[in-house]
C-alpha atoms as a PDB file:
ATOM      1  CA  UNK A   1      14.928   7.534 -11.033  1.00  0.00           C
ATOM      2  CA  UNK A   2      12.656   7.835  -7.992  1.00  0.00           C
ATOM      3  CA  UNK A   3      10.300   5.204  -6.653  1.00  0.00           C
ATOM      4  CA  UNK A   4       7.648   5.336  -3.896  1.00  0.00           C
ATOM      5  CA  UNK A   5       6.672   2.241  -1.902  1.00  0.00           C
ATOM      6  CA  UNK A   6       3.023   2.936  -1.074  1.00  0.00           C
ATOM      7  CA  UNK A   7       2.589  -0.073   1.263  1.00  0.00           C
ATOM      8  CA  UNK A   8       5.313  -1.211   3.648  1.00  0.00           C
ATOM      9  CA  UNK A   9       4.820  -2.702   7.112  1.00  0.00           C
ATOM     10  CA  UNK A  10       7.963  -1.092   8.360  1.00  0.00           C
ATOM     11  CA  UNK A  11       6.979  -1.223  12.024  1.00  0.00           C
ATOM     12  CA  UNK A  12       6.857  -5.040  11.906  1.00  0.00           C
ATOM     13  CA  UNK A  13       9.170  -6.662  14.431  1.00  0.00           C
ATOM     14  CA  UNK A  14      11.025  -8.301  11.541  1.00  0.00           C
ATOM     15  CA  UNK A  15      12.735  -4.879  11.134  1.00  0.00           C
ATOM     16  CA  UNK A  16      13.419  -4.180  14.802  1.00  0.00           C
ATOM     17  CA  UNK A  17      17.106  -5.141  14.635  1.00  0.00           C
ATOM     18  CA  UNK A  18      18.079  -3.220  11.511  1.00  0.00           C
ATOM     19  CA  UNK A  19      15.372  -0.732  10.521  1.00  0.00           C
ATOM     20  CA  UNK A  20      17.908   2.065   9.970  1.00  0.00           C
ATOM     21  CA  UNK A  21      19.936  -0.116   7.606  1.00  0.00           C
ATOM     22  CA  UNK A  22      16.794  -1.205   5.766  1.00  0.00           C
ATOM     23  CA  UNK A  23      15.925   2.439   5.104  1.00  0.00           C
ATOM     24  CA  UNK A  24      19.437   3.211   3.996  1.00  0.00           C
ATOM     25  CA  UNK A  25      19.420   0.331   1.490  1.00  0.00           C
ATOM     26  CA  UNK A  26      16.058   1.446   0.184  1.00  0.00           C
ATOM     27  CA  UNK A  27      17.371   4.939  -0.476  1.00  0.00           C
ATOM     28  CA  UNK A  28      20.371   3.514  -2.305  1.00  0.00           C
ATOM     29  CA  UNK A  29      17.956   1.575  -4.507  1.00  0.00           C
ATOM     30  CA  UNK A  30      16.049   4.722  -5.433  1.00  0.00           C
ATOM     31  CA  UNK A  31      13.095   4.307  -3.083  1.00  0.00           C
ATOM     32  CA  UNK A  32      12.843   7.910  -1.960  1.00  0.00           C
ATOM     33  CA  UNK A  33       9.556   7.801  -0.021  1.00  0.00           C
ATOM     34  CA  UNK A  34       7.627   5.102   1.804  1.00  0.00           C
ATOM     35  CA  UNK A  35       4.066   4.980   3.137  1.00  0.00           C
ATOM     36  CA  UNK A  36       4.129   2.914   6.322  1.00  0.00           C
ATOM     37  CA  UNK A  37       1.008   0.817   6.797  1.00  0.00           C
ATOM     38  CA  UNK A  38      -1.049   0.999   9.976  1.00  0.00           C
ATOM     39  CA  UNK A  39      -3.056  -2.186  10.483  1.00  0.00           C
ATOM     40  CA  UNK A  40      -4.085  -2.107  14.148  1.00  0.00           C
ATOM     41  CA  UNK A  41      -4.380   0.387  16.970  1.00  0.00           C
ATOM     42  CA  UNK A  42      -0.793  -0.092  18.147  1.00  0.00           C
ATOM     43  CA  UNK A  43       0.479  -0.490  14.603  1.00  0.00           C
ATOM     44  CA  UNK A  44      -1.112   2.789  13.490  1.00  0.00           C
ATOM     45  CA  UNK A  45       0.434   4.657  16.407  1.00  0.00           C
ATOM     46  CA  UNK A  46       3.830   3.117  15.689  1.00  0.00           C
ATOM     47  CA  UNK A  47       3.552   3.897  11.983  1.00  0.00           C
ATOM     48  CA  UNK A  48       2.894   7.593  12.643  1.00  0.00           C
ATOM     49  CA  UNK A  49       5.730   7.789  15.202  1.00  0.00           C
ATOM     50  CA  UNK A  50       8.110   6.297  12.648  1.00  0.00           C
ATOM     51  CA  UNK A  51       6.917   8.678   9.954  1.00  0.00           C
ATOM     52  CA  UNK A  52       7.444  11.661  12.284  1.00  0.00           C
ATOM     53  CA  UNK A  53      11.010  10.524  12.908  1.00  0.00           C
ATOM     54  CA  UNK A  54      11.650  10.761   9.100  1.00  0.00           C
ATOM     55  CA  UNK A  55       9.662  13.780   7.895  1.00  0.00           C
ATOM     56  CA  UNK A  56       9.291  14.009   4.165  1.00  0.00           C
ATOM     57  CA  UNK A  57      10.636  10.507   3.659  1.00  0.00           C
ATOM     58  CA  UNK A  58       8.175   8.334   5.574  1.00  0.00           C
ATOM     59  CA  UNK A  59       4.419   8.785   5.882  1.00  0.00           C
ATOM     60  CA  UNK A  60       1.769   6.695   7.648  1.00  0.00           C
ATOM     61  CA  UNK A  61      -1.746   5.338   7.335  1.00  0.00           C
ATOM     62  CA  UNK A  62      -3.985   4.467  10.269  1.00  0.00           C
ATOM     63  CA  UNK A  63      -6.497   1.641  10.199  1.00  0.00           C
ATOM     64  CA  UNK A  64      -7.539  -1.767  11.376  1.00  0.00           C
ATOM     65  CA  UNK A  65      -6.880  -4.786   9.124  1.00  0.00           C
ATOM     66  CA  UNK A  66      -9.859  -7.150   8.740  1.00  0.00           C
ATOM     67  CA  UNK A  67      -7.934  -9.794  10.747  1.00  0.00           C
ATOM     68  CA  UNK A  68      -8.288  -7.451  13.746  1.00  0.00           C
ATOM     69  CA  UNK A  69     -11.863  -6.362  13.047  1.00  0.00           C
ATOM     70  CA  UNK A  70     -13.201  -8.187  16.107  1.00  0.00           C
ATOM     71  CA  UNK A  71     -11.066  -5.900  18.304  1.00  0.00           C
ATOM     72  CA  UNK A  72     -12.515  -2.713  16.821  1.00  0.00           C
ATOM     73  CA  UNK A  73     -14.671  -0.597  19.175  1.00  0.00           C
ATOM     74  CA  UNK A  74     -15.616   2.997  19.833  1.00  0.00           C
ATOM     75  CA  UNK A  75     -12.243   3.718  21.375  1.00  0.00           C
ATOM     76  CA  UNK A  76     -10.544   2.364  18.265  1.00  0.00           C
ATOM     77  CA  UNK A  77     -12.598   4.650  16.048  1.00  0.00           C
ATOM     78  CA  UNK A  78     -11.802   7.628  18.283  1.00  0.00           C
ATOM     79  CA  UNK A  79      -8.081   6.836  18.020  1.00  0.00           C
ATOM     80  CA  UNK A  80      -8.153   6.568  14.230  1.00  0.00           C
ATOM     81  CA  UNK A  81     -10.002   9.885  14.011  1.00  0.00           C
ATOM     82  CA  UNK A  82      -7.428  11.498  16.289  1.00  0.00           C
ATOM     83  CA  UNK A  83      -4.523  10.103  14.289  1.00  0.00           C
ATOM     84  CA  UNK A  84      -6.155  11.354  11.075  1.00  0.00           C
ATOM     85  CA  UNK A  85      -5.562  14.943  12.225  1.00  0.00           C
ATOM     86  CA  UNK A  86      -1.821  14.511  12.724  1.00  0.00           C
ATOM     87  CA  UNK A  87       0.964  15.659  10.465  1.00  0.00           C
ATOM     88  CA  UNK A  88       2.467  12.719   8.539  1.00  0.00           C
ATOM     89  CA  UNK A  89      -0.792  10.745   8.463  1.00  0.00           C
ATOM     90  CA  UNK A  90      -1.801  10.480   4.774  1.00  0.00           C
ATOM     91  CA  UNK A  91      -4.451   7.753   4.609  1.00  0.00           C
ATOM     92  CA  UNK A  92      -7.028   5.587   6.392  1.00  0.00           C
ATOM     93  CA  UNK A  93      -6.379   1.849   6.379  1.00  0.00           C
ATOM     94  CA  UNK A  94      -5.383  -0.857   5.980  1.00  0.00           C
ATOM     95  CA  UNK A  95      -9.030  -1.772   6.019  1.00  0.00           C
ATOM     96  CA  UNK A  96     -11.236  -4.097   4.004  1.00  0.00           C
ATOM     97  CA  UNK A  97     -12.324  -7.730   3.889  1.00  0.00           C
ATOM     98  CA  UNK A  98     -10.408 -10.995   4.165  1.00  0.00           C
ATOM     99  CA  UNK A  99     -12.412 -14.185   3.711  1.00  0.00           C
ATOM    100  CA  UNK A 100      -9.294 -16.263   3.056  1.00  0.00           C
ATOM    101  CA  UNK A 101      -8.541 -16.829   6.716  1.00  0.00           C
ATOM    102  CA  UNK A 102     -11.735 -15.527   8.362  1.00  0.00           C
ATOM    103  CA  UNK A 103      -9.850 -14.579  11.524  1.00  0.00           C
ATOM    104  CA  UNK A 104     -12.651 -12.159  12.330  1.00  0.00           C
ATOM    105  CA  UNK A 105     -16.284 -13.045  11.546  1.00  0.00           C
ATOM    106  CA  UNK A 106     -17.341 -11.831   8.115  1.00  0.00           C
ATOM    107  CA  UNK A 107     -20.288  -9.766   9.403  1.00  0.00           C
ATOM    108  CA  UNK A 108     -17.958  -8.009  11.799  1.00  0.00           C
ATOM    109  CA  UNK A 109     -15.411  -7.391   9.032  1.00  0.00           C
ATOM    110  CA  UNK A 110     -18.075  -5.734   6.884  1.00  0.00           C
ATOM    111  CA  UNK A 111     -19.322  -3.489   9.680  1.00  0.00           C
ATOM    112  CA  UNK A 112     -15.775  -2.402  10.626  1.00  0.00           C
ATOM    113  CA  UNK A 113     -14.923  -1.778   6.960  1.00  0.00           C
ATOM    114  CA  UNK A 114     -17.966   0.459   6.633  1.00  0.00           C
ATOM    115  CA  UNK A 115     -16.986   2.385   9.799  1.00  0.00           C
ATOM    116  CA  UNK A 116     -13.509   3.042   8.473  1.00  0.00           C
ATOM    117  CA  UNK A 117     -14.877   4.085   5.102  1.00  0.00           C
ATOM    118  CA  UNK A 118     -16.942   6.628   7.036  1.00  0.00           C
ATOM    119  CA  UNK A 119     -13.768   7.962   8.623  1.00  0.00           C
ATOM    120  CA  UNK A 120     -12.428   8.429   5.123  1.00  0.00           C
ATOM    121  CA  UNK A 121     -15.590  10.250   4.074  1.00  0.00           C
ATOM    122  CA  UNK A 122     -15.485  12.511   7.154  1.00  0.00           C
ATOM    123  CA  UNK A 123     -11.816  13.357   6.899  1.00  0.00           C
ATOM    124  CA  UNK A 124     -11.391  13.440   3.138  1.00  0.00           C
ATOM    125  CA  UNK A 125      -8.288  11.246   3.457  1.00  0.00           C
ATOM    126  CA  UNK A 126      -7.594   8.553   0.841  1.00  0.00           C
ATOM    127  CA  UNK A 127      -8.276   4.917   1.790  1.00  0.00           C
ATOM    128  CA  UNK A 128      -5.805   2.020   1.664  1.00  0.00           C
ATOM    129  CA  UNK A 129      -7.906  -1.110   1.063  1.00  0.00           C
ATOM    130  CA  UNK A 130      -7.375  -4.861   1.569  1.00  0.00           C
ATOM    131  CA  UNK A 131      -9.380  -7.559  -0.164  1.00  0.00           C
ATOM    132  CA  UNK A 132      -8.786 -11.286  -0.293  1.00  0.00           C
ATOM    133  CA  UNK A 133     -11.376 -13.816  -1.455  1.00  0.00           C
ATOM    134  CA  UNK A 134     -14.115 -11.323  -0.761  1.00  0.00           C
ATOM    135  CA  UNK A 135     -14.401  -9.371  -4.015  1.00  0.00           C
ATOM    136  CA  UNK A 136     -18.151  -9.250  -4.401  1.00  0.00           C
ATOM    137  CA  UNK A 137     -18.908  -8.003  -0.907  1.00  0.00           C
ATOM    138  CA  UNK A 138     -15.921  -5.621  -1.127  1.00  0.00           C
ATOM    139  CA  UNK A 139     -17.141  -4.073  -4.369  1.00  0.00           C
ATOM    140  CA  UNK A 140     -20.752  -3.855  -3.160  1.00  0.00           C
ATOM    141  CA  UNK A 141     -19.716  -1.935  -0.052  1.00  0.00           C
ATOM    142  CA  UNK A 142     -17.452   0.461  -1.946  1.00  0.00           C
ATOM    143  CA  UNK A 143     -20.104   1.097  -4.616  1.00  0.00           C
ATOM    144  CA  UNK A 144     -22.539   2.347  -1.963  1.00  0.00           C
ATOM    145  CA  UNK A 145     -20.182   5.121  -0.791  1.00  0.00           C
ATOM    146  CA  UNK A 146     -17.929   5.733  -3.817  1.00  0.00           C
ATOM    147  CA  UNK A 147     -19.351   9.160  -4.570  1.00  0.00           C
ATOM    148  CA  UNK A 148     -18.624  10.262  -1.005  1.00  0.00           C
ATOM    149  CA  UNK A 149     -14.960   9.284  -0.614  1.00  0.00           C
ATOM    150  CA  UNK A 150     -11.898  10.823  -2.193  1.00  0.00           C
ATOM    151  CA  UNK A 151      -9.238   8.372  -3.351  1.00  0.00           C
ATOM    152  CA  UNK A 152      -9.243   4.588  -2.931  1.00  0.00           C
ATOM    153  CA  UNK A 153      -6.420   2.185  -3.606  1.00  0.00           C
ATOM    154  CA  UNK A 154      -6.956  -1.575  -3.791  1.00  0.00           C
ATOM    155  CA  UNK A 155      -3.740  -2.578  -2.092  1.00  0.00           C
ATOM    156  CA  UNK A 156      -1.892  -5.693  -3.238  1.00  0.00           C
ATOM    157  CA  UNK A 157      -4.274  -6.477  -6.088  1.00  0.00           C
ATOM    158  CA  UNK A 158      -4.165 -10.205  -6.954  1.00  0.00           C
ATOM    159  CA  UNK A 159      -7.482 -10.782  -8.713  1.00  0.00           C
ATOM    160  CA  UNK A 160      -8.811 -11.545 -12.140  1.00  0.00           C
ATOM    161  CA  UNK A 161      -9.175  -9.310 -15.168  1.00  0.00           C
ATOM    162  CA  UNK A 162     -12.897  -8.966 -14.496  1.00  0.00           C
ATOM    163  CA  UNK A 163     -12.272  -7.985 -10.886  1.00  0.00           C
ATOM    164  CA  UNK A 164      -9.692  -5.413 -11.977  1.00  0.00           C
ATOM    165  CA  UNK A 165     -12.197  -3.866 -14.334  1.00  0.00           C
ATOM    166  CA  UNK A 166     -14.789  -3.604 -11.594  1.00  0.00           C
ATOM    167  CA  UNK A 167     -12.269  -1.762  -9.453  1.00  0.00           C
ATOM    168  CA  UNK A 168     -11.340   0.553 -12.306  1.00  0.00           C
ATOM    169  CA  UNK A 169     -14.981   1.210 -13.091  1.00  0.00           C
ATOM    170  CA  UNK A 170     -15.240   2.650  -9.566  1.00  0.00           C
ATOM    171  CA  UNK A 171     -12.212   4.876 -10.244  1.00  0.00           C
ATOM    172  CA  UNK A 172     -10.050   2.983  -7.735  1.00  0.00           C
ATOM    173  CA  UNK A 173      -6.280   3.054  -7.862  1.00  0.00           C
ATOM    174  CA  UNK A 174      -4.458  -0.248  -7.898  1.00  0.00           C
ATOM    175  CA  UNK A 175      -1.391  -1.297  -5.894  1.00  0.00           C
ATOM    176  CA  UNK A 176       0.854  -4.028  -7.334  1.00  0.00           C
ATOM    177  CA  UNK A 177       3.277  -6.005  -5.183  1.00  0.00           C
ATOM    178  CA  UNK A 178       5.788  -8.851  -5.633  1.00  0.00           C
ATOM    179  CA  UNK A 179       2.834 -11.184  -6.083  1.00  0.00           C
ATOM    180  CA  UNK A 180       3.228 -10.483  -9.797  1.00  0.00           C
ATOM    181  CA  UNK A 181       6.728 -12.075  -9.626  1.00  0.00           C
ATOM    182  CA  UNK A 182       5.372 -15.356  -8.260  1.00  0.00           C
ATOM    183  CA  UNK A 183       5.198 -18.025 -10.975  1.00  0.00           C
ATOM    184  CA  UNK A 184       2.858 -20.127  -8.816  1.00  0.00           C
ATOM    185  CA  UNK A 185       0.051 -17.629  -8.480  1.00  0.00           C
ATOM    186  CA  UNK A 186       0.809 -14.259 -10.045  1.00  0.00           C
ATOM    187  CA  UNK A 187       1.447 -14.883 -13.735  1.00  0.00           C
ATOM    188  CA  UNK A 188      -2.276 -14.647 -14.648  1.00  0.00           C
ATOM    189  CA  UNK A 189      -2.072 -10.932 -13.823  1.00  0.00           C
ATOM    190  CA  UNK A 190       0.753 -10.181 -16.215  1.00  0.00           C
ATOM    191  CA  UNK A 191      -1.489 -10.212 -19.304  1.00  0.00           C
ATOM    192  CA  UNK A 192      -3.762  -7.386 -18.141  1.00  0.00           C
ATOM    193  CA  UNK A 193      -1.437  -5.064 -16.200  1.00  0.00           C
ATOM    194  CA  UNK A 194      -1.282  -2.824 -19.296  1.00  0.00           C
ATOM    195  CA  UNK A 195      -5.013  -2.207 -18.901  1.00  0.00           C
ATOM    196  CA  UNK A 196      -4.451  -0.125 -15.720  1.00  0.00           C
ATOM    197  CA  UNK A 197      -4.319   3.600 -16.555  1.00  0.00           C
ATOM    198  CA  UNK A 198      -0.950   5.062 -15.549  1.00  0.00           C
ATOM    199  CA  UNK A 199      -2.626   7.695 -13.368  1.00  0.00           C
ATOM    200  CA  UNK A 200      -4.169   4.909 -11.245  1.00  0.00           C
ATOM    201  CA  UNK A 201      -1.193   2.546 -10.876  1.00  0.00           C
ATOM    202  CA  UNK A 202       1.076   2.410  -7.848  1.00  0.00           C
ATOM    203  CA  UNK A 203       3.692  -0.064  -6.605  1.00  0.00           C
ATOM    204  CA  UNK A 204       4.409  -1.446  -3.156  1.00  0.00           C
ATOM    205  CA  UNK A 205       6.426  -4.193  -1.461  1.00  0.00           C
ATOM    206  CA  UNK A 206       4.074  -5.052   1.463  1.00  0.00           C
ATOM    207  CA  UNK A 207       7.302  -5.767   3.329  1.00  0.00           C
ATOM    208  CA  UNK A 208       8.174  -7.916   5.182  1.00  0.00           C
ATOM    209  CA  UNK A 209       5.703 -10.055   3.210  1.00  0.00           C
ATOM    210  CA  UNK A 210       5.657 -11.097  -0.453  1.00  0.00           C
ATOM    211  CA  UNK A 211       9.338 -11.101  -1.275  1.00  0.00           C
ATOM    212  CA  UNK A 212       9.650 -11.559  -5.055  1.00  0.00           C
ATOM    213  CA  UNK A 213      10.188 -15.310  -5.673  1.00  0.00           C
ATOM    214  CA  UNK A 214      12.301 -14.658  -8.779  1.00  0.00           C
ATOM    215  CA  UNK A 215      14.561 -12.080  -7.157  1.00  0.00           C
ATOM    216  CA  UNK A 216      18.109 -12.161  -8.560  1.00  0.00           C
ATOM    217  CA  UNK A 217      20.667 -12.337  -7.179  1.00  0.00           C
ATOM    218  CA  UNK A 218      19.041 -14.491  -4.537  1.00  0.00           C
ATOM    219  CA  UNK A 219      18.905 -13.055  -1.014  1.00  0.00           C
ATOM    220  CA  UNK A 220      19.526 -15.228   2.008  1.00  0.00           C
ATOM    221  CA  UNK A 221      16.656 -13.744   4.006  1.00  0.00           C
ATOM    222  CA  UNK A 222      12.976 -14.670   3.494  1.00  0.00           C
ATOM    223  CA  UNK A 223      12.019 -11.148   4.567  1.00  0.00           C
ATOM    224  CA  UNK A 224      10.891  -8.761   1.905  1.00  0.00           C
ATOM    225  CA  UNK A 225      12.376  -5.226   1.994  1.00  0.00           C
ATOM    226  CA  UNK A 226      11.636  -1.904   0.286  1.00  0.00           C
ATOM    227  CA  UNK A 227      14.987  -2.012  -1.500  1.00  0.00           C
ATOM    228  CA  UNK A 228      13.504  -4.631  -3.797  1.00  0.00           C
ATOM    229  CA  UNK A 229      10.787  -2.351  -5.098  1.00  0.00           C
ATOM    230  CA  UNK A 230      12.799  -1.751  -8.330  1.00  0.00           C
ATOM    231  CA  UNK A 231      12.654  -5.462  -9.078  1.00  0.00           C
ATOM    232  CA  UNK A 232       8.839  -5.423  -8.804  1.00  0.00           C
ATOM    233  CA  UNK A 233       8.732  -2.232 -10.902  1.00  0.00           C
ATOM    234  CA  UNK A 234      10.894  -3.804 -13.602  1.00  0.00           C
ATOM    235  CA  UNK A 235       8.607  -6.856 -13.823  1.00  0.00           C
ATOM    236  CA  UNK A 236       5.535  -4.648 -14.038  1.00  0.00           C
ATOM    237  CA  UNK A 237       7.141  -2.386 -16.652  1.00  0.00           C
ATOM    238  CA  UNK A 238       7.828  -5.435 -18.859  1.00  0.00           C
ATOM    239  CA  UNK A 239       4.211  -6.545 -18.544  1.00  0.00           C
ATOM    240  CA  UNK A 240       3.072  -3.108 -19.648  1.00  0.00           C
ATOM    241  CA  UNK A 241       5.543  -2.716 -22.485  1.00  0.00           C
ATOM    242  CA  UNK A 242       7.235   0.226 -20.800  1.00  0.00           C
ATOM    243  CA  UNK A 243      10.745   1.040 -19.683  1.00  0.00           C
ATOM    244  CA  UNK A 244      11.525   0.961 -15.981  1.00  0.00           C
ATOM    245  CA  UNK A 245      12.130   4.685 -16.095  1.00  0.00           C
ATOM    246  CA  UNK A 246       8.672   5.327 -17.589  1.00  0.00           C
ATOM    247  CA  UNK A 247       6.958   3.201 -14.967  1.00  0.00           C
ATOM    248  CA  UNK A 248       8.986   4.773 -12.156  1.00  0.00           C
ATOM    249  CA  UNK A 249       7.942   8.246 -13.255  1.00  0.00           C
ATOM    250  CA  UNK A 250       4.232   7.440 -13.704  1.00  0.00           C
ATOM    251  CA  UNK A 251       3.839   5.496 -10.442  1.00  0.00           C
ATOM    252  CA  UNK A 252       5.706   8.151  -8.486  1.00  0.00           C
ATOM    253  CA  UNK A 253       3.486  10.899  -9.899  1.00  0.00           C
ATOM    254  CA  UNK A 254       0.407   8.768  -9.137  1.00  0.00           C
ATOM    255  CA  UNK A 255       1.521   8.119  -5.538  1.00  0.00           C
ATOM    256  CA  UNK A 256       2.298  11.771  -4.828  1.00  0.00           C
ATOM    257  CA  UNK A 257      -1.017  12.842  -6.228  1.00  0.00           C
ATOM    258  CA  UNK A 258      -2.997  10.109  -4.418  1.00  0.00           C
ATOM    259  CA  UNK A 259      -1.506  10.728  -0.950  1.00  0.00           C
ATOM    260  CA  UNK A 260      -0.680  14.421  -1.354  1.00  0.00           C
ATOM    261  CA  UNK A 261       3.042  13.829  -0.789  1.00  0.00           C
ATOM    262  CA  UNK A 262       5.695  16.532  -1.176  1.00  0.00           C
ATOM    263  CA  UNK A 263       8.776  16.166  -3.316  1.00  0.00           C
ATOM    264  CA  UNK A 264      11.343  13.786  -1.856  1.00  0.00           C
ATOM    265  CA  UNK A 265      13.939  15.425   0.440  1.00  0.00           C
ATOM    266  CA  UNK A 266      16.746  13.276  -0.997  1.00  0.00           C
ATOM    267  CA  UNK A 267      17.968  12.464   2.486  1.00  0.00           C
ATOM    268  CA  UNK A 268      21.372  10.778   2.403  1.00  0.00           C
ATOM    269  CA  UNK A 269      21.603  10.861  -1.358  1.00  0.00           C
ATOM    270  CA  UNK A 270      24.396  12.458  -3.295  1.00  0.00           C
ATOM    271  CA  UNK A 271      23.620  15.703  -5.051  1.00  0.00           C
ATOM    272  CA  UNK A 272      23.738  15.347  -8.805  1.00  0.00           C
ATOM    273  CA  UNK A 273      26.207  17.592 -10.675  1.00  0.00           C
ATOM    274  CA  UNK A 274      24.687  20.642 -12.298  1.00  0.00           C
END
């Protein structure tokens, strides 16, 4: 069984002390490839550097999260365009809208989102999208350019059935995280996860955030890690009436197709007997 974590903030300083061990534990858990999220100028550079240090196993996106939209300028756009030409860079983002915290002004968020969508249009790279409490503006902006971009994934989907359908109507992919394991706020999603076509469904941890609340056995750390992707996958498989193996296969196929990833190199994993 192979799993791909399509959204992991592996350059976060929470991993600075043991990043090598975190990767080793992920491999042992069957997570054979990881897409490392770029969410700022420095974060995008670091994500690509990390991906280049682990060719075939790690890949990177480059983008500016809506929290940092106020820092976006012409130099930022030039940097993202330069990174988009580099080997190991497989997507533009994390980009989108976040009205939950409003760290950057909403008008600025929308303009910066549109500029990053344009990078996706110009490069043909898939887009890794963030949306929180901003669904209507988010969908309106995407709808205006949908016929010009390649692939779009709504990362860490947490919305309603109706919002899901609007995303699917625009042929978006959907990324599911440990949010679905949270009995306080994620159970509403469990009833309509089966409505996502297998070819458009991917899984992610969003580490170090969103550690599954129902994880067993309990882990002492509050930090989420890619090694717990199988737990998220198992929960999602149950919601969809599938086996874990079926979900692992379909989400891995979807992720490789979406990002254009090669087969996993099986670094550090034992060769199976013939």
